[in-house]
N, C-alpha and C. Protein backbone atom coordinates (compact mmCIF):
# COMPACT_ATOMS: atom_id res chain seq x y z
N MET A 1 -6.46 17.11 2.93
CA MET A 1 -5.41 16.26 3.43
C MET A 1 -4.09 17.01 3.38
N GLU A 2 -3.32 16.91 4.44
CA GLU A 2 -2.03 17.58 4.50
C GLU A 2 -1.01 16.79 3.69
N PRO A 3 -0.10 17.49 3.01
CA PRO A 3 0.93 16.76 2.26
C PRO A 3 1.88 16.07 3.22
N VAL A 4 2.47 14.96 2.76
CA VAL A 4 3.43 14.22 3.56
C VAL A 4 4.71 15.03 3.67
N LYS A 5 5.20 15.20 4.87
CA LYS A 5 6.47 15.91 5.07
C LYS A 5 7.59 14.89 5.00
N VAL A 6 8.51 15.11 4.09
CA VAL A 6 9.61 14.19 3.89
C VAL A 6 10.90 14.89 4.28
N THR A 7 11.70 14.20 5.09
CA THR A 7 12.98 14.75 5.52
C THR A 7 14.07 13.73 5.26
N THR A 8 15.31 14.14 5.43
CA THR A 8 16.41 13.21 5.24
C THR A 8 16.64 12.37 6.49
N GLU A 9 15.89 12.60 7.52
CA GLU A 9 15.97 11.76 8.71
C GLU A 9 14.90 10.69 8.59
N SER A 10 15.18 9.54 9.20
CA SER A 10 14.21 8.46 9.12
C SER A 10 13.01 8.77 10.01
N PRO A 11 11.86 8.21 9.66
CA PRO A 11 10.68 8.40 10.50
C PRO A 11 10.92 7.84 11.89
N SER A 12 10.05 8.19 12.81
CA SER A 12 10.21 7.71 14.19
C SER A 12 10.20 6.19 14.22
N SER A 13 10.75 5.65 15.27
CA SER A 13 10.82 4.20 15.39
C SER A 13 9.44 3.57 15.46
N ALA A 14 8.41 4.37 15.80
CA ALA A 14 7.05 3.84 15.88
C ALA A 14 6.51 3.53 14.49
N SER A 15 7.03 4.18 13.46
CA SER A 15 6.56 3.90 12.11
C SER A 15 7.66 3.19 11.34
N ARG A 16 7.24 2.48 10.31
CA ARG A 16 8.22 1.75 9.51
C ARG A 16 8.56 2.55 8.27
N LEU A 17 9.74 2.31 7.76
CA LEU A 17 10.14 2.96 6.52
C LEU A 17 9.43 2.27 5.35
N PRO A 18 9.17 3.01 4.28
CA PRO A 18 8.46 2.42 3.15
C PRO A 18 9.29 1.35 2.45
N LEU A 19 8.57 0.37 1.92
CA LEU A 19 9.15 -0.70 1.09
C LEU A 19 10.30 -1.42 1.77
N THR A 20 10.23 -1.56 3.06
CA THR A 20 11.22 -2.26 3.89
C THR A 20 12.61 -1.63 3.83
N LEU A 21 12.69 -0.36 3.46
CA LEU A 21 13.99 0.29 3.37
C LEU A 21 14.65 0.37 4.74
N PRO A 22 15.93 0.03 4.83
CA PRO A 22 16.65 0.22 6.09
C PRO A 22 17.07 1.69 6.24
N ASP A 23 17.30 2.12 7.47
CA ASP A 23 17.72 3.50 7.73
C ASP A 23 18.94 3.88 6.89
N GLU A 24 19.85 2.94 6.73
CA GLU A 24 21.10 3.21 6.01
C GLU A 24 20.86 3.65 4.57
N ILE A 25 19.84 3.12 3.95
CA ILE A 25 19.50 3.53 2.58
C ILE A 25 18.64 4.79 2.61
N TRP A 26 17.67 4.84 3.52
CA TRP A 26 16.73 5.96 3.60
C TRP A 26 17.45 7.30 3.68
N VAL A 27 18.47 7.40 4.51
CA VAL A 27 19.14 8.69 4.72
C VAL A 27 19.94 9.14 3.50
N THR A 28 20.18 8.22 2.56
CA THR A 28 20.93 8.61 1.35
C THR A 28 20.01 9.08 0.23
N LEU A 29 18.71 8.87 0.37
CA LEU A 29 17.76 9.25 -0.68
C LEU A 29 17.49 10.75 -0.64
N SER A 30 17.30 11.32 -1.81
CA SER A 30 16.92 12.73 -1.90
C SER A 30 15.50 12.88 -1.35
N PRO A 31 15.12 14.09 -0.95
CA PRO A 31 13.74 14.29 -0.49
C PRO A 31 12.70 13.85 -1.53
N ALA A 32 12.96 14.11 -2.80
CA ALA A 32 12.01 13.70 -3.85
C ALA A 32 11.91 12.17 -3.92
N SER A 33 13.02 11.48 -3.79
CA SER A 33 13.01 10.02 -3.82
C SER A 33 12.32 9.46 -2.58
N GLN A 34 12.55 10.09 -1.44
CA GLN A 34 11.85 9.66 -0.22
C GLN A 34 10.34 9.81 -0.41
N GLN A 35 9.92 10.93 -0.97
CA GLN A 35 8.48 11.16 -1.20
C GLN A 35 7.92 10.10 -2.13
N ALA A 36 8.65 9.77 -3.18
CA ALA A 36 8.19 8.75 -4.12
C ALA A 36 8.07 7.39 -3.44
N HIS A 37 9.00 7.05 -2.56
CA HIS A 37 8.92 5.79 -1.83
C HIS A 37 7.74 5.77 -0.85
N VAL A 38 7.49 6.90 -0.20
CA VAL A 38 6.33 7.01 0.70
C VAL A 38 5.05 6.82 -0.11
N SER A 39 4.98 7.46 -1.27
CA SER A 39 3.80 7.31 -2.14
C SER A 39 3.64 5.87 -2.59
N ALA A 40 4.75 5.22 -2.94
CA ALA A 40 4.70 3.82 -3.36
C ALA A 40 4.13 2.95 -2.25
N GLN A 41 4.56 3.18 -1.01
CA GLN A 41 4.05 2.39 0.11
C GLN A 41 2.56 2.64 0.31
N LYS A 42 2.13 3.89 0.16
CA LYS A 42 0.71 4.20 0.30
C LYS A 42 -0.12 3.46 -0.74
N ILE A 43 0.40 3.36 -1.95
CA ILE A 43 -0.30 2.63 -3.01
C ILE A 43 -0.39 1.15 -2.64
N LEU A 44 0.73 0.57 -2.20
CA LEU A 44 0.71 -0.83 -1.80
C LEU A 44 -0.31 -1.09 -0.69
N ASP A 45 -0.39 -0.15 0.24
CA ASP A 45 -1.27 -0.31 1.40
C ASP A 45 -2.75 -0.31 1.05
N VAL A 46 -3.13 0.20 -0.13
CA VAL A 46 -4.55 0.27 -0.48
C VAL A 46 -4.96 -0.78 -1.53
N PHE A 47 -4.06 -1.67 -1.89
CA PHE A 47 -4.43 -2.70 -2.87
C PHE A 47 -5.51 -3.60 -2.29
N PRO A 48 -6.55 -3.85 -3.07
CA PRO A 48 -7.59 -4.78 -2.62
C PRO A 48 -7.10 -6.22 -2.75
N PRO A 49 -7.81 -7.17 -2.16
CA PRO A 49 -7.40 -8.58 -2.24
C PRO A 49 -7.28 -9.10 -3.67
N SER A 50 -8.00 -8.49 -4.61
CA SER A 50 -7.92 -8.94 -6.00
C SER A 50 -6.55 -8.68 -6.62
N GLY A 51 -5.78 -7.77 -6.04
CA GLY A 51 -4.47 -7.44 -6.59
C GLY A 51 -4.54 -6.53 -7.81
N ARG A 52 -5.72 -5.98 -8.08
CA ARG A 52 -5.91 -5.06 -9.21
C ARG A 52 -6.45 -3.75 -8.67
N LEU A 53 -5.89 -2.64 -9.16
CA LEU A 53 -6.29 -1.32 -8.68
C LEU A 53 -6.15 -0.33 -9.82
N SER A 54 -7.25 0.36 -10.15
CA SER A 54 -7.16 1.37 -11.21
C SER A 54 -6.28 2.52 -10.72
N LEU A 55 -5.68 3.23 -11.65
CA LEU A 55 -4.83 4.36 -11.26
C LEU A 55 -5.65 5.43 -10.54
N ILE A 56 -6.86 5.67 -11.01
CA ILE A 56 -7.72 6.67 -10.36
C ILE A 56 -8.05 6.25 -8.94
N ASP A 57 -8.43 4.96 -8.75
CA ASP A 57 -8.72 4.47 -7.40
C ASP A 57 -7.48 4.52 -6.51
N ALA A 58 -6.33 4.23 -7.08
CA ALA A 58 -5.09 4.29 -6.29
C ALA A 58 -4.86 5.69 -5.76
N ALA A 59 -5.01 6.68 -6.62
CA ALA A 59 -4.80 8.08 -6.20
C ALA A 59 -5.81 8.48 -5.14
N GLN A 60 -7.09 8.17 -5.39
CA GLN A 60 -8.14 8.58 -4.46
C GLN A 60 -8.03 7.85 -3.13
N THR A 61 -7.86 6.55 -3.16
CA THR A 61 -7.84 5.76 -1.93
C THR A 61 -6.60 6.04 -1.10
N ALA A 62 -5.46 6.24 -1.76
CA ALA A 62 -4.22 6.51 -1.04
C ALA A 62 -4.08 7.98 -0.67
N GLY A 63 -4.97 8.83 -1.21
CA GLY A 63 -4.91 10.26 -0.91
C GLY A 63 -3.71 10.94 -1.54
N LEU A 64 -3.41 10.57 -2.78
CA LEU A 64 -2.24 11.11 -3.47
C LEU A 64 -2.64 12.04 -4.60
N SER A 65 -1.82 13.07 -4.82
CA SER A 65 -1.98 13.90 -6.00
C SER A 65 -1.51 13.09 -7.21
N LEU A 66 -1.80 13.57 -8.40
CA LEU A 66 -1.35 12.85 -9.60
C LEU A 66 0.17 12.78 -9.67
N GLU A 67 0.84 13.83 -9.23
CA GLU A 67 2.31 13.84 -9.22
C GLU A 67 2.85 12.79 -8.23
N GLU A 68 2.24 12.73 -7.05
CA GLU A 68 2.67 11.72 -6.06
C GLU A 68 2.37 10.32 -6.56
N LEU A 69 1.21 10.15 -7.20
CA LEU A 69 0.85 8.85 -7.76
C LEU A 69 1.89 8.42 -8.79
N ALA A 70 2.26 9.33 -9.68
CA ALA A 70 3.24 9.00 -10.72
C ALA A 70 4.58 8.60 -10.10
N GLY A 71 5.02 9.32 -9.09
CA GLY A 71 6.28 8.97 -8.42
C GLY A 71 6.21 7.61 -7.76
N GLY A 72 5.09 7.33 -7.09
CA GLY A 72 4.93 6.04 -6.43
C GLY A 72 4.85 4.89 -7.42
N VAL A 73 4.12 5.07 -8.49
CA VAL A 73 4.00 4.03 -9.52
C VAL A 73 5.37 3.78 -10.17
N HIS A 74 6.12 4.84 -10.38
CA HIS A 74 7.46 4.70 -10.96
C HIS A 74 8.35 3.82 -10.07
N VAL A 75 8.34 4.09 -8.77
CA VAL A 75 9.14 3.29 -7.83
C VAL A 75 8.67 1.84 -7.85
N LEU A 76 7.36 1.63 -7.76
CA LEU A 76 6.83 0.26 -7.75
C LEU A 76 7.17 -0.49 -9.03
N GLY A 77 7.10 0.19 -10.16
CA GLY A 77 7.45 -0.44 -11.43
C GLY A 77 8.92 -0.78 -11.51
N ASN A 78 9.77 0.14 -11.06
CA ASN A 78 11.21 -0.10 -11.09
C ASN A 78 11.63 -1.26 -10.20
N LYS A 79 10.88 -1.49 -9.14
CA LYS A 79 11.18 -2.59 -8.23
C LYS A 79 10.42 -3.87 -8.61
N SER A 80 9.76 -3.83 -9.76
CA SER A 80 9.00 -4.98 -10.28
C SER A 80 7.96 -5.49 -9.28
N LEU A 81 7.33 -4.56 -8.57
CA LEU A 81 6.28 -4.92 -7.62
C LEU A 81 4.90 -4.85 -8.26
N VAL A 82 4.75 -4.06 -9.31
CA VAL A 82 3.48 -3.94 -10.02
C VAL A 82 3.74 -3.96 -11.52
N SER A 83 2.69 -4.28 -12.23
CA SER A 83 2.70 -4.09 -13.68
C SER A 83 1.54 -3.17 -14.00
N ILE A 84 1.67 -2.43 -15.07
CA ILE A 84 0.60 -1.54 -15.51
C ILE A 84 -0.04 -2.19 -16.73
N GLU A 85 -1.35 -2.35 -16.65
CA GLU A 85 -2.09 -3.00 -17.71
C GLU A 85 -3.26 -2.14 -18.12
N GLN A 86 -3.73 -2.34 -19.34
CA GLN A 86 -4.87 -1.58 -19.84
C GLN A 86 -6.14 -2.37 -19.59
N GLY A 87 -7.12 -1.70 -18.99
CA GLY A 87 -8.42 -2.31 -18.77
C GLY A 87 -9.49 -1.60 -19.57
N ASP A 88 -10.71 -2.08 -19.47
CA ASP A 88 -11.83 -1.48 -20.20
C ASP A 88 -12.06 -0.02 -19.80
N SER A 89 -11.83 0.27 -18.53
CA SER A 89 -12.10 1.64 -18.05
C SER A 89 -10.81 2.43 -17.82
N GLY A 90 -9.71 2.01 -18.40
CA GLY A 90 -8.46 2.74 -18.27
C GLY A 90 -7.37 1.88 -17.65
N PRO A 91 -6.20 2.48 -17.47
CA PRO A 91 -5.07 1.70 -16.95
C PRO A 91 -5.28 1.31 -15.49
N PHE A 92 -4.71 0.15 -15.14
CA PHE A 92 -4.76 -0.30 -13.76
C PHE A 92 -3.43 -0.93 -13.38
N LEU A 93 -3.22 -1.02 -12.09
CA LEU A 93 -2.02 -1.66 -11.55
C LEU A 93 -2.37 -3.09 -11.16
N ARG A 94 -1.47 -3.99 -11.46
CA ARG A 94 -1.61 -5.37 -11.01
C ARG A 94 -0.45 -5.65 -10.07
N LEU A 95 -0.76 -6.04 -8.86
CA LEU A 95 0.27 -6.34 -7.87
C LEU A 95 0.97 -7.64 -8.25
N VAL A 96 2.29 -7.58 -8.36
CA VAL A 96 3.08 -8.73 -8.79
C VAL A 96 3.84 -9.35 -7.62
N ALA A 97 4.34 -8.49 -6.71
CA ALA A 97 5.16 -8.98 -5.59
C ALA A 97 5.02 -8.03 -4.41
N ILE A 98 5.37 -8.54 -3.25
CA ILE A 98 5.33 -7.78 -1.99
C ILE A 98 6.77 -7.59 -1.50
N PRO A 99 7.15 -6.35 -1.12
CA PRO A 99 8.50 -6.16 -0.60
C PRO A 99 8.71 -6.97 0.67
N ASP A 100 9.86 -7.62 0.76
CA ASP A 100 10.14 -8.47 1.91
C ASP A 100 11.26 -7.90 2.77
N GLU A 101 12.41 -7.62 2.15
CA GLU A 101 13.53 -7.09 2.92
C GLU A 101 14.62 -6.58 1.99
N HIS A 102 15.58 -5.90 2.58
CA HIS A 102 16.80 -5.50 1.90
C HIS A 102 17.94 -6.22 2.61
N VAL A 103 18.77 -6.89 1.86
CA VAL A 103 19.87 -7.65 2.43
C VAL A 103 21.17 -6.94 2.08
N LYS A 104 21.96 -6.65 3.10
CA LYS A 104 23.24 -5.98 2.89
C LYS A 104 24.32 -7.03 2.65
N VAL A 105 25.06 -6.83 1.57
CA VAL A 105 26.19 -7.70 1.27
C VAL A 105 27.42 -6.82 1.05
N ILE A 106 28.56 -7.34 1.40
CA ILE A 106 29.82 -6.62 1.19
C ILE A 106 30.48 -7.24 -0.04
N GLY A 107 30.74 -6.41 -1.04
CA GLY A 107 31.33 -6.88 -2.27
C GLY A 107 32.82 -7.16 -2.12
N PRO A 108 33.42 -7.75 -3.14
CA PRO A 108 34.85 -8.06 -3.11
C PRO A 108 35.71 -6.81 -2.93
N ASP A 109 35.17 -5.65 -3.32
CA ASP A 109 35.90 -4.40 -3.16
C ASP A 109 35.73 -3.79 -1.76
N GLY A 110 34.99 -4.50 -0.90
CA GLY A 110 34.77 -4.03 0.46
C GLY A 110 33.62 -3.04 0.61
N ARG A 111 32.96 -2.71 -0.49
CA ARG A 111 31.84 -1.75 -0.44
C ARG A 111 30.53 -2.49 -0.19
N PRO A 112 29.69 -1.91 0.65
CA PRO A 112 28.38 -2.54 0.89
C PRO A 112 27.44 -2.32 -0.29
N ARG A 113 26.64 -3.32 -0.54
CA ARG A 113 25.60 -3.25 -1.56
C ARG A 113 24.35 -3.85 -0.97
N TRP A 114 23.22 -3.46 -1.53
CA TRP A 114 21.94 -3.93 -1.00
C TRP A 114 21.21 -4.73 -2.06
N ILE A 115 20.66 -5.85 -1.66
CA ILE A 115 19.84 -6.68 -2.53
C ILE A 115 18.40 -6.55 -2.04
N PHE A 116 17.51 -6.14 -2.93
CA PHE A 116 16.10 -5.99 -2.60
C PHE A 116 15.41 -7.32 -2.84
N VAL A 117 14.72 -7.82 -1.83
CA VAL A 117 14.03 -9.10 -1.93
C VAL A 117 12.53 -8.83 -1.89
N ALA A 118 11.82 -9.33 -2.88
CA ALA A 118 10.37 -9.20 -2.93
C ALA A 118 9.78 -10.60 -3.16
N ARG A 119 8.69 -10.86 -2.48
CA ARG A 119 8.01 -12.15 -2.57
C ARG A 119 6.97 -12.09 -3.68
N PRO A 120 7.12 -12.91 -4.73
CA PRO A 120 6.12 -12.88 -5.82
C PRO A 120 4.79 -13.45 -5.34
N LEU A 121 3.70 -12.86 -5.81
CA LEU A 121 2.38 -13.38 -5.46
C LEU A 121 2.10 -14.69 -6.17
N ASP A 122 2.58 -14.81 -7.39
CA ASP A 122 2.46 -16.05 -8.15
C ASP A 122 3.88 -16.54 -8.45
N PRO A 123 4.40 -17.42 -7.60
CA PRO A 123 5.78 -17.89 -7.82
C PRO A 123 5.93 -18.50 -9.21
N PRO A 124 7.06 -18.26 -9.84
CA PRO A 124 7.26 -18.83 -11.18
C PRO A 124 7.32 -20.36 -11.11
N ASP A 125 6.86 -20.99 -12.16
CA ASP A 125 6.90 -22.44 -12.24
C ASP A 125 8.27 -22.85 -12.74
N ARG A 126 9.07 -23.41 -11.85
CA ARG A 126 10.43 -23.80 -12.20
C ARG A 126 10.64 -25.29 -11.93
N ASN A 127 11.41 -25.90 -12.79
CA ASN A 127 11.81 -27.27 -12.58
C ASN A 127 12.80 -27.28 -11.42
N PRO A 128 12.65 -28.16 -10.45
CA PRO A 128 13.59 -28.20 -9.31
C PRO A 128 15.05 -28.32 -9.71
N SER A 129 15.33 -28.91 -10.86
CA SER A 129 16.72 -29.05 -11.30
C SER A 129 17.33 -27.70 -11.69
N GLU A 130 16.47 -26.68 -11.93
CA GLU A 130 16.96 -25.36 -12.30
C GLU A 130 17.32 -24.51 -11.08
N LEU A 131 16.97 -24.96 -9.89
CA LEU A 131 17.18 -24.17 -8.68
C LEU A 131 18.52 -24.49 -8.03
N ASN A 132 19.02 -23.54 -7.26
CA ASN A 132 20.28 -23.77 -6.53
C ASN A 132 20.08 -24.76 -5.42
């Protein structure tokens, strides 16, 4: 398998950016961070319906080296999309949420900021009085 080529330019319009990243954020990422996001998307793309995937299966099914797997898992963990749990046959990933979108907001200082929105697979049980 050929390694993924990562550049500071966004992929062609025919393909989507990983984890719903907008072009405006993508072009600011370092090549290493872009690679980690691409790896994270590849991992998400191979999750079975059970929402559980061993680390070994994730690497093999997504076609990632151990270094790429580690980068992808790091991104997914930082975005609270997966949790890492210990199973009988070793560590596995549990899918917690699916990336939905990035929302751009302009702060009081006039600087743009991005809010990452992910849809939880198991919505939290909240009393309606606690919601906005």
